[in-house]
N, C-alpha and C. Protein backbone atom coordinates (compact mmCIF):
# COMPACT_ATOMS: atom_id res chain seq x y z
N MET A 1 0.83 -1.17 0.00
CA MET A 1 0.00 0.00 0.00
C MET A 1 0.88 1.25 0.00
N ILE A 2 0.54 2.20 -0.82
CA ILE A 2 1.33 3.42 -0.97
C ILE A 2 0.90 4.43 0.10
N ARG A 3 1.87 4.91 0.84
CA ARG A 3 1.62 5.95 1.85
C ARG A 3 1.91 7.30 1.24
N ARG A 4 0.88 7.99 0.88
CA ARG A 4 1.04 9.30 0.23
C ARG A 4 1.65 10.33 1.16
N ASP A 5 1.41 10.21 2.45
CA ASP A 5 1.99 11.18 3.38
C ASP A 5 3.50 11.04 3.45
N ALA A 6 4.02 9.83 3.38
CA ALA A 6 5.48 9.63 3.39
C ALA A 6 6.10 10.18 2.11
N ILE A 7 5.44 9.95 0.99
CA ILE A 7 5.94 10.48 -0.28
C ILE A 7 5.88 12.01 -0.27
N ALA A 8 4.80 12.56 0.25
CA ALA A 8 4.67 14.02 0.31
C ALA A 8 5.74 14.64 1.19
N LEU A 9 6.07 13.99 2.29
CA LEU A 9 7.11 14.50 3.17
C LEU A 9 8.48 14.45 2.49
N GLY A 10 8.75 13.37 1.78
CA GLY A 10 10.01 13.28 1.03
C GLY A 10 10.10 14.32 -0.07
N VAL A 11 9.00 14.55 -0.78
CA VAL A 11 8.98 15.56 -1.83
C VAL A 11 9.14 16.95 -1.22
N LEU A 12 8.54 17.19 -0.05
CA LEU A 12 8.69 18.48 0.62
C LEU A 12 10.16 18.76 0.93
N VAL A 13 10.88 17.76 1.40
CA VAL A 13 12.31 17.94 1.68
C VAL A 13 13.06 18.26 0.38
N GLU A 14 12.72 17.57 -0.70
CA GLU A 14 13.38 17.84 -1.98
C GLU A 14 13.04 19.23 -2.51
N VAL A 15 11.80 19.66 -2.35
CA VAL A 15 11.41 21.00 -2.81
C VAL A 15 12.17 22.07 -2.02
N LEU A 16 12.30 21.88 -0.72
CA LEU A 16 13.06 22.84 0.08
C LEU A 16 14.52 22.90 -0.37
N ALA A 17 15.10 21.75 -0.66
CA ALA A 17 16.49 21.72 -1.14
C ALA A 17 16.61 22.40 -2.50
N ILE A 18 15.64 22.20 -3.38
CA ILE A 18 15.66 22.84 -4.71
C ILE A 18 15.53 24.35 -4.56
N LEU A 19 14.66 24.82 -3.67
CA LEU A 19 14.51 26.26 -3.45
C LEU A 19 15.80 26.87 -2.91
N VAL A 20 16.43 26.21 -1.97
CA VAL A 20 17.70 26.70 -1.44
C VAL A 20 18.75 26.72 -2.55
N ALA A 21 18.79 25.67 -3.36
CA ALA A 21 19.77 25.60 -4.45
C ALA A 21 19.54 26.67 -5.50
N ASN A 22 18.32 27.15 -5.62
CA ASN A 22 18.01 28.16 -6.63
C ASN A 22 18.20 29.58 -6.12
N PHE A 23 17.92 29.84 -4.87
CA PHE A 23 17.87 31.21 -4.39
C PHE A 23 18.98 31.62 -3.43
N VAL A 24 19.88 30.72 -3.06
CA VAL A 24 20.96 31.06 -2.13
C VAL A 24 22.27 31.13 -2.90
N SER A 25 22.88 32.31 -2.88
CA SER A 25 24.18 32.48 -3.53
C SER A 25 25.28 31.87 -2.65
N LEU A 26 26.22 31.22 -3.30
CA LEU A 26 27.32 30.58 -2.59
C LEU A 26 28.64 31.14 -3.09
N PRO A 27 29.61 31.30 -2.22
CA PRO A 27 30.90 31.83 -2.66
C PRO A 27 31.74 30.77 -3.37
N GLY A 28 32.43 31.20 -4.41
CA GLY A 28 33.44 30.45 -5.15
C GLY A 28 33.37 28.94 -5.14
N ALA A 29 34.33 28.32 -4.45
CA ALA A 29 34.47 26.87 -4.47
C ALA A 29 33.32 26.17 -3.76
N ILE A 30 32.68 26.84 -2.83
CA ILE A 30 31.56 26.23 -2.11
C ILE A 30 30.39 26.02 -3.06
N MET A 31 30.31 26.85 -4.12
CA MET A 31 29.24 26.68 -5.09
C MET A 31 29.29 25.28 -5.71
N TRP A 32 30.49 24.80 -6.00
CA TRP A 32 30.62 23.48 -6.64
C TRP A 32 30.28 22.37 -5.66
N VAL A 33 30.53 22.58 -4.37
CA VAL A 33 30.07 21.62 -3.36
C VAL A 33 28.55 21.63 -3.31
N GLY A 34 27.96 22.83 -3.44
CA GLY A 34 26.50 22.94 -3.49
C GLY A 34 25.91 22.24 -4.69
N VAL A 35 26.61 22.27 -5.82
CA VAL A 35 26.14 21.55 -7.01
C VAL A 35 26.08 20.06 -6.73
N VAL A 36 27.13 19.53 -6.10
CA VAL A 36 27.16 18.10 -5.78
C VAL A 36 26.05 17.74 -4.80
N PHE A 37 25.88 18.56 -3.77
CA PHE A 37 24.82 18.29 -2.80
C PHE A 37 23.43 18.40 -3.43
N THR A 38 23.27 19.33 -4.35
CA THR A 38 21.99 19.48 -5.03
C THR A 38 21.67 18.25 -5.88
N LEU A 39 22.69 17.71 -6.53
CA LEU A 39 22.46 16.52 -7.36
C LEU A 39 22.22 15.26 -6.54
N THR A 40 22.47 15.31 -5.23
CA THR A 40 22.18 14.16 -4.36
C THR A 40 20.94 14.39 -3.51
N THR A 41 20.11 15.32 -3.91
CA THR A 41 18.88 15.61 -3.18
C THR A 41 17.93 14.40 -3.18
N GLY A 42 17.97 13.60 -4.22
CA GLY A 42 17.12 12.42 -4.28
C GLY A 42 17.40 11.43 -3.16
N LEU A 43 18.64 11.40 -2.71
CA LEU A 43 18.98 10.51 -1.59
C LEU A 43 18.25 10.93 -0.32
N VAL A 44 18.22 12.22 -0.06
CA VAL A 44 17.57 12.72 1.16
C VAL A 44 16.06 12.50 1.09
N GLY A 45 15.47 12.82 -0.05
CA GLY A 45 14.02 12.63 -0.19
C GLY A 45 13.63 11.16 -0.08
N GLY A 46 14.42 10.28 -0.71
CA GLY A 46 14.14 8.85 -0.62
C GLY A 46 14.32 8.31 0.79
N LEU A 47 15.31 8.83 1.50
CA LEU A 47 15.54 8.40 2.88
C LEU A 47 14.38 8.81 3.76
N VAL A 48 13.89 10.03 3.60
CA VAL A 48 12.75 10.50 4.39
C VAL A 48 11.51 9.68 4.07
N ALA A 49 11.24 9.46 2.80
CA ALA A 49 10.06 8.68 2.42
C ALA A 49 10.16 7.25 2.91
N GLY A 50 11.33 6.65 2.79
CA GLY A 50 11.51 5.28 3.26
C GLY A 50 11.42 5.16 4.77
N ARG A 51 11.90 6.16 5.46
CA ARG A 51 11.89 6.12 6.93
C ARG A 51 10.47 6.19 7.48
N PHE A 52 9.61 6.93 6.83
CA PHE A 52 8.24 7.08 7.32
C PHE A 52 7.28 6.09 6.68
N THR A 53 7.81 5.01 6.14
CA THR A 53 7.00 3.96 5.55
C THR A 53 7.25 2.67 6.32
N SER A 54 6.20 2.03 6.76
CA SER A 54 6.36 0.75 7.42
C SER A 54 6.27 -0.35 6.36
N GLY A 55 7.01 -1.39 6.56
CA GLY A 55 7.01 -2.49 5.61
C GLY A 55 8.43 -2.94 5.33
N GLY A 56 8.56 -3.85 4.38
CA GLY A 56 9.86 -4.38 4.03
C GLY A 56 10.67 -3.40 3.21
N TRP A 57 11.88 -3.81 2.84
CA TRP A 57 12.76 -2.91 2.10
C TRP A 57 12.21 -2.61 0.71
N GLN A 58 11.44 -3.56 0.13
CA GLN A 58 10.87 -3.30 -1.19
C GLN A 58 9.85 -2.16 -1.12
N THR A 59 9.03 -2.16 -0.11
CA THR A 59 8.03 -1.11 0.06
C THR A 59 8.70 0.24 0.27
N ARG A 60 9.73 0.26 1.13
CA ARG A 60 10.44 1.51 1.36
C ARG A 60 11.14 1.98 0.11
N ALA A 61 11.69 1.05 -0.68
CA ALA A 61 12.39 1.42 -1.91
C ALA A 61 11.42 1.99 -2.94
N VAL A 62 10.23 1.42 -3.04
CA VAL A 62 9.22 1.93 -3.98
C VAL A 62 8.80 3.34 -3.58
N HIS A 63 8.63 3.58 -2.29
CA HIS A 63 8.29 4.93 -1.84
C HIS A 63 9.41 5.91 -2.15
N GLY A 64 10.65 5.49 -1.97
CA GLY A 64 11.78 6.34 -2.33
C GLY A 64 11.83 6.60 -3.83
N LEU A 65 11.51 5.58 -4.62
CA LEU A 65 11.49 5.72 -6.08
C LEU A 65 10.44 6.74 -6.51
N LEU A 66 9.24 6.63 -5.97
CA LEU A 66 8.18 7.57 -6.33
C LEU A 66 8.53 8.99 -5.89
N THR A 67 9.11 9.10 -4.71
CA THR A 67 9.55 10.42 -4.25
C THR A 67 10.62 10.99 -5.17
N GLY A 68 11.55 10.15 -5.59
CA GLY A 68 12.59 10.60 -6.50
C GLY A 68 12.06 11.02 -7.86
N LEU A 69 11.08 10.30 -8.37
CA LEU A 69 10.48 10.68 -9.66
C LEU A 69 9.83 12.05 -9.59
N ILE A 70 9.07 12.29 -8.53
CA ILE A 70 8.40 13.58 -8.39
C ILE A 70 9.43 14.69 -8.16
N GLY A 71 10.39 14.44 -7.27
CA GLY A 71 11.42 15.44 -7.00
C GLY A 71 12.29 15.71 -8.21
N GLY A 72 12.61 14.68 -8.99
CA GLY A 72 13.40 14.87 -10.20
C GLY A 72 12.65 15.68 -11.24
N LEU A 73 11.35 15.45 -11.35
CA LEU A 73 10.53 16.25 -12.25
C LEU A 73 10.55 17.72 -11.84
N LEU A 74 10.37 17.98 -10.55
CA LEU A 74 10.39 19.35 -10.06
C LEU A 74 11.77 19.98 -10.23
N PHE A 75 12.82 19.20 -10.00
CA PHE A 75 14.18 19.71 -10.16
C PHE A 75 14.46 20.06 -11.62
N GLY A 76 14.10 19.17 -12.54
CA GLY A 76 14.33 19.43 -13.96
C GLY A 76 13.55 20.63 -14.46
N VAL A 77 12.30 20.75 -14.04
CA VAL A 77 11.49 21.89 -14.46
C VAL A 77 12.05 23.19 -13.88
N THR A 78 12.45 23.16 -12.60
CA THR A 78 13.04 24.35 -11.99
C THR A 78 14.34 24.74 -12.66
N LEU A 79 15.17 23.76 -12.97
CA LEU A 79 16.43 24.04 -13.66
C LEU A 79 16.16 24.64 -15.03
N TRP A 80 15.22 24.07 -15.77
CA TRP A 80 14.91 24.60 -17.09
C TRP A 80 14.32 26.00 -17.02
N LEU A 81 13.41 26.23 -16.07
CA LEU A 81 12.82 27.56 -15.94
C LEU A 81 13.86 28.59 -15.52
N GLY A 82 14.81 28.19 -14.70
CA GLY A 82 15.90 29.09 -14.33
C GLY A 82 16.83 29.37 -15.49
N MET A 83 17.07 28.35 -16.31
CA MET A 83 17.92 28.55 -17.49
C MET A 83 17.23 29.44 -18.52
N SER A 84 15.92 29.38 -18.57
CA SER A 84 15.15 30.17 -19.53
C SER A 84 14.80 31.55 -18.99
N TYR A 85 15.25 31.88 -17.78
CA TYR A 85 14.97 33.15 -17.12
C TYR A 85 13.49 33.38 -16.90
N VAL A 86 12.72 32.32 -16.75
CA VAL A 86 11.30 32.45 -16.43
C VAL A 86 11.13 32.75 -14.95
N ILE A 87 11.93 32.06 -14.12
CA ILE A 87 11.93 32.35 -12.68
C ILE A 87 13.29 32.96 -12.34
N PRO A 88 13.32 33.82 -11.34
CA PRO A 88 14.61 34.42 -10.97
C PRO A 88 15.52 33.37 -10.34
N ARG A 89 16.80 33.58 -10.54
CA ARG A 89 17.80 32.65 -10.01
C ARG A 89 18.93 33.50 -9.45
N ALA A 90 19.40 33.15 -8.27
CA ALA A 90 20.51 33.88 -7.66
C ALA A 90 21.80 33.56 -8.39
N ASP A 91 22.60 34.58 -8.64
CA ASP A 91 23.90 34.34 -9.25
C ASP A 91 24.78 33.55 -8.30
N TYR A 92 25.51 32.62 -8.85
CA TYR A 92 26.43 31.75 -8.11
C TYR A 92 25.71 30.84 -7.12
N SER A 93 24.48 30.51 -7.43
CA SER A 93 23.78 29.50 -6.64
C SER A 93 24.13 28.13 -7.22
N ALA A 94 23.66 27.08 -6.59
CA ALA A 94 23.97 25.73 -7.07
C ALA A 94 23.34 25.48 -8.45
N LEU A 95 22.11 25.93 -8.66
CA LEU A 95 21.49 25.75 -9.97
C LEU A 95 22.15 26.64 -11.02
N TRP A 96 22.70 27.78 -10.61
CA TRP A 96 23.47 28.61 -11.52
C TRP A 96 24.71 27.85 -11.98
N GLY A 97 25.35 27.11 -11.04
CA GLY A 97 26.52 26.31 -11.40
C GLY A 97 26.19 25.20 -12.38
N ILE A 98 25.05 24.55 -12.21
CA ILE A 98 24.64 23.51 -13.15
C ILE A 98 24.35 24.12 -14.51
N ASN A 99 23.70 25.28 -14.52
CA ASN A 99 23.45 25.99 -15.76
C ASN A 99 24.76 26.37 -16.43
N TYR A 100 25.72 26.81 -15.66
CA TYR A 100 27.04 27.17 -16.19
C TYR A 100 27.72 25.97 -16.84
N LEU A 101 27.65 24.82 -16.16
CA LEU A 101 28.25 23.60 -16.73
C LEU A 101 27.57 23.20 -18.03
N LEU A 102 26.26 23.29 -18.06
CA LEU A 102 25.54 22.92 -19.29
C LEU A 102 25.81 23.91 -20.42
N ALA A 103 25.99 25.18 -20.09
CA ALA A 103 26.19 26.19 -21.12
C ALA A 103 27.62 26.21 -21.65
N THR A 104 28.59 25.94 -20.80
CA THR A 104 29.99 26.06 -21.23
C THR A 104 30.61 24.75 -21.68
N TYR A 105 30.06 23.63 -21.26
CA TYR A 105 30.60 22.33 -21.65
C TYR A 105 29.52 21.47 -22.29
N PRO A 106 28.97 21.91 -23.42
CA PRO A 106 27.91 21.11 -24.04
C PRO A 106 28.49 19.82 -24.62
N ILE A 107 27.93 18.72 -24.22
CA ILE A 107 28.40 17.41 -24.67
C ILE A 107 27.75 17.10 -26.01
N GLY A 108 28.56 16.83 -27.01
CA GLY A 108 28.06 16.41 -28.30
C GLY A 108 27.39 17.50 -29.11
N ILE A 109 27.81 18.75 -28.93
CA ILE A 109 27.12 19.83 -29.65
C ILE A 109 27.37 19.74 -31.15
N ARG A 110 28.50 19.19 -31.57
CA ARG A 110 28.75 19.05 -33.01
C ARG A 110 27.92 17.92 -33.60
N GLN A 111 27.75 16.85 -32.86
CA GLN A 111 26.98 15.72 -33.37
C GLN A 111 25.49 15.92 -33.17
N LEU A 112 25.10 16.57 -32.10
CA LEU A 112 23.69 16.73 -31.75
C LEU A 112 23.32 18.21 -31.66
N SER A 113 23.67 19.00 -32.66
CA SER A 113 23.42 20.44 -32.59
C SER A 113 21.92 20.75 -32.51
N TRP A 114 21.07 19.90 -33.05
CA TRP A 114 19.62 20.11 -32.98
C TRP A 114 19.11 20.06 -31.55
N LEU A 115 19.87 19.38 -30.66
CA LEU A 115 19.44 19.24 -29.28
C LEU A 115 19.53 20.58 -28.54
N TYR A 116 20.41 21.45 -28.99
CA TYR A 116 20.63 22.70 -28.28
C TYR A 116 19.89 23.88 -28.91
N THR A 117 18.90 23.60 -29.73
CA THR A 117 18.11 24.67 -30.33
C THR A 117 16.72 24.68 -29.73
N GLY A 118 16.22 25.87 -29.48
CA GLY A 118 14.87 26.00 -28.95
C GLY A 118 14.71 25.37 -27.58
N ASN A 119 13.59 24.72 -27.37
CA ASN A 119 13.27 24.10 -26.08
C ASN A 119 13.45 22.59 -26.10
N ILE A 120 14.19 22.08 -27.07
CA ILE A 120 14.34 20.63 -27.19
C ILE A 120 15.15 20.05 -26.03
N LEU A 121 16.09 20.81 -25.49
CA LEU A 121 16.93 20.33 -24.39
C LEU A 121 16.12 20.09 -23.12
N MET A 122 14.95 20.70 -23.02
CA MET A 122 14.13 20.56 -21.83
C MET A 122 13.75 19.10 -21.56
N VAL A 123 13.38 18.35 -22.58
CA VAL A 123 12.91 16.98 -22.38
C VAL A 123 14.01 16.07 -21.84
N PRO A 124 15.20 16.00 -22.47
CA PRO A 124 16.22 15.14 -21.88
C PRO A 124 16.71 15.63 -20.53
N LEU A 125 16.70 16.93 -20.30
CA LEU A 125 17.12 17.47 -19.01
C LEU A 125 16.18 17.01 -17.90
N ILE A 126 14.89 17.07 -18.16
CA ILE A 126 13.91 16.64 -17.16
C ILE A 126 13.96 15.12 -16.98
N LEU A 127 14.08 14.37 -18.08
CA LEU A 127 14.15 12.91 -17.97
C LEU A 127 15.40 12.45 -17.23
N LEU A 128 16.54 13.09 -17.48
CA LEU A 128 17.76 12.73 -16.76
C LEU A 128 17.66 13.08 -15.28
N SER A 129 17.05 14.21 -14.97
CA SER A 129 16.85 14.58 -13.57
C SER A 129 15.94 13.58 -12.86
N MET A 130 14.87 13.18 -13.54
CA MET A 130 13.96 12.20 -12.95
C MET A 130 14.65 10.86 -12.75
N ALA A 131 15.45 10.44 -13.73
CA ALA A 131 16.15 9.16 -13.60
C ALA A 131 17.16 9.20 -12.46
N LEU A 132 17.93 10.29 -12.36
CA LEU A 132 18.92 10.41 -11.29
C LEU A 132 18.26 10.40 -9.92
N PHE A 133 17.24 11.20 -9.74
CA PHE A 133 16.57 11.26 -8.44
C PHE A 133 15.84 9.96 -8.12
N ALA A 134 15.29 9.30 -9.13
CA ALA A 134 14.58 8.04 -8.89
C ALA A 134 15.54 6.95 -8.43
N VAL A 135 16.70 6.86 -9.06
CA VAL A 135 17.69 5.86 -8.64
C VAL A 135 18.18 6.17 -7.23
N GLU A 136 18.47 7.44 -6.97
CA GLU A 136 18.91 7.82 -5.62
C GLU A 136 17.82 7.53 -4.59
N GLY A 137 16.57 7.87 -4.91
CA GLY A 137 15.47 7.63 -3.99
C GLY A 137 15.23 6.16 -3.74
N TYR A 138 15.37 5.34 -4.78
CA TYR A 138 15.18 3.89 -4.64
C TYR A 138 16.23 3.31 -3.69
N ILE A 139 17.48 3.71 -3.89
CA ILE A 139 18.56 3.20 -3.04
C ILE A 139 18.39 3.66 -1.60
N ALA A 140 18.15 4.97 -1.42
CA ALA A 140 18.02 5.50 -0.07
C ALA A 140 16.76 5.00 0.63
N GLY A 141 15.67 4.86 -0.11
CA GLY A 141 14.44 4.35 0.49
C GLY A 141 14.58 2.91 0.95
N GLY A 142 15.24 2.09 0.13
CA GLY A 142 15.45 0.70 0.51
C GLY A 142 16.42 0.55 1.67
N ALA A 143 17.37 1.47 1.79
CA ALA A 143 18.35 1.41 2.86
C ALA A 143 17.89 2.08 4.14
N ALA A 144 16.76 2.77 4.09
CA ALA A 144 16.25 3.47 5.27
C ALA A 144 15.88 2.46 6.35
N PRO A 145 16.09 2.81 7.60
CA PRO A 145 15.70 1.89 8.67
C PRO A 145 14.19 1.73 8.74
N ARG A 146 13.77 0.59 9.17
CA ARG A 146 12.34 0.28 9.26
C ARG A 146 11.69 1.18 10.30
N SER A 147 10.51 1.64 9.97
CA SER A 147 9.75 2.52 10.86
C SER A 147 8.69 1.72 11.59
N ASN A 148 8.37 2.16 12.77
CA ASN A 148 7.29 1.54 13.54
C ASN A 148 5.97 2.28 13.35
N LEU A 149 5.96 3.23 12.45
CA LEU A 149 4.75 4.00 12.21
C LEU A 149 3.78 3.20 11.37
N SER A 150 2.53 3.30 11.68
CA SER A 150 1.50 2.64 10.90
C SER A 150 0.25 3.52 10.90
N HIS A 151 -0.73 3.14 10.11
CA HIS A 151 -1.96 3.92 10.02
C HIS A 151 -2.83 3.74 11.26
N GLU A 152 -2.72 2.63 11.92
CA GLU A 152 -3.59 2.35 13.05
C GLU A 152 -2.87 2.68 14.35
N PRO A 153 -3.56 3.33 15.27
CA PRO A 153 -2.93 3.65 16.57
C PRO A 153 -2.71 2.37 17.37
N PRO A 154 -1.74 2.39 18.26
CA PRO A 154 -1.49 1.19 19.07
C PRO A 154 -2.68 0.88 19.97
N SER A 155 -2.88 -0.38 20.21
CA SER A 155 -3.99 -0.78 21.08
C SER A 155 -3.58 -0.69 22.52
N ASN A 156 -4.56 -0.58 23.40
CA ASN A 156 -4.28 -0.46 24.84
C ASN A 156 -4.49 -1.79 25.57
N TYR A 157 -4.33 -2.88 24.86
CA TYR A 157 -4.50 -4.18 25.49
C TYR A 157 -3.34 -4.46 26.41
N PRO A 158 -3.60 -5.11 27.54
CA PRO A 158 -2.52 -5.41 28.48
C PRO A 158 -1.58 -6.46 27.97
């Protein structure tokens, strides 16, 4: 059974991390540490979702996977909107660093020049974000310690 509250809590943690990564400016070398931490946000969301789910490791891993898919979608959309200047982005924030890497080191631009025209890059960017966060969430959710939380309150039997 899917616990939507556990998934929502994991997604909330990921959304807060994405907001911090978008709006907090970081100095110099710390920005690159922020980029790494931002790309591992799926681990934290999956861990939270798995921790608040009762059941075996498979159940916790599935909750982490679902949390990672939603968080990866939100991360990819936020990154794309920041790159397109639709939403404001702080200079030298973690998402600014990811944007910088994508803009200055385009992989395969000679072979795949059509990928970098218009809004075509949005689809693989969002899919890669979802895949990264889903894998991280699956691993962290499955590795999360078992929770004693359940839907039913404990009984008062002696």
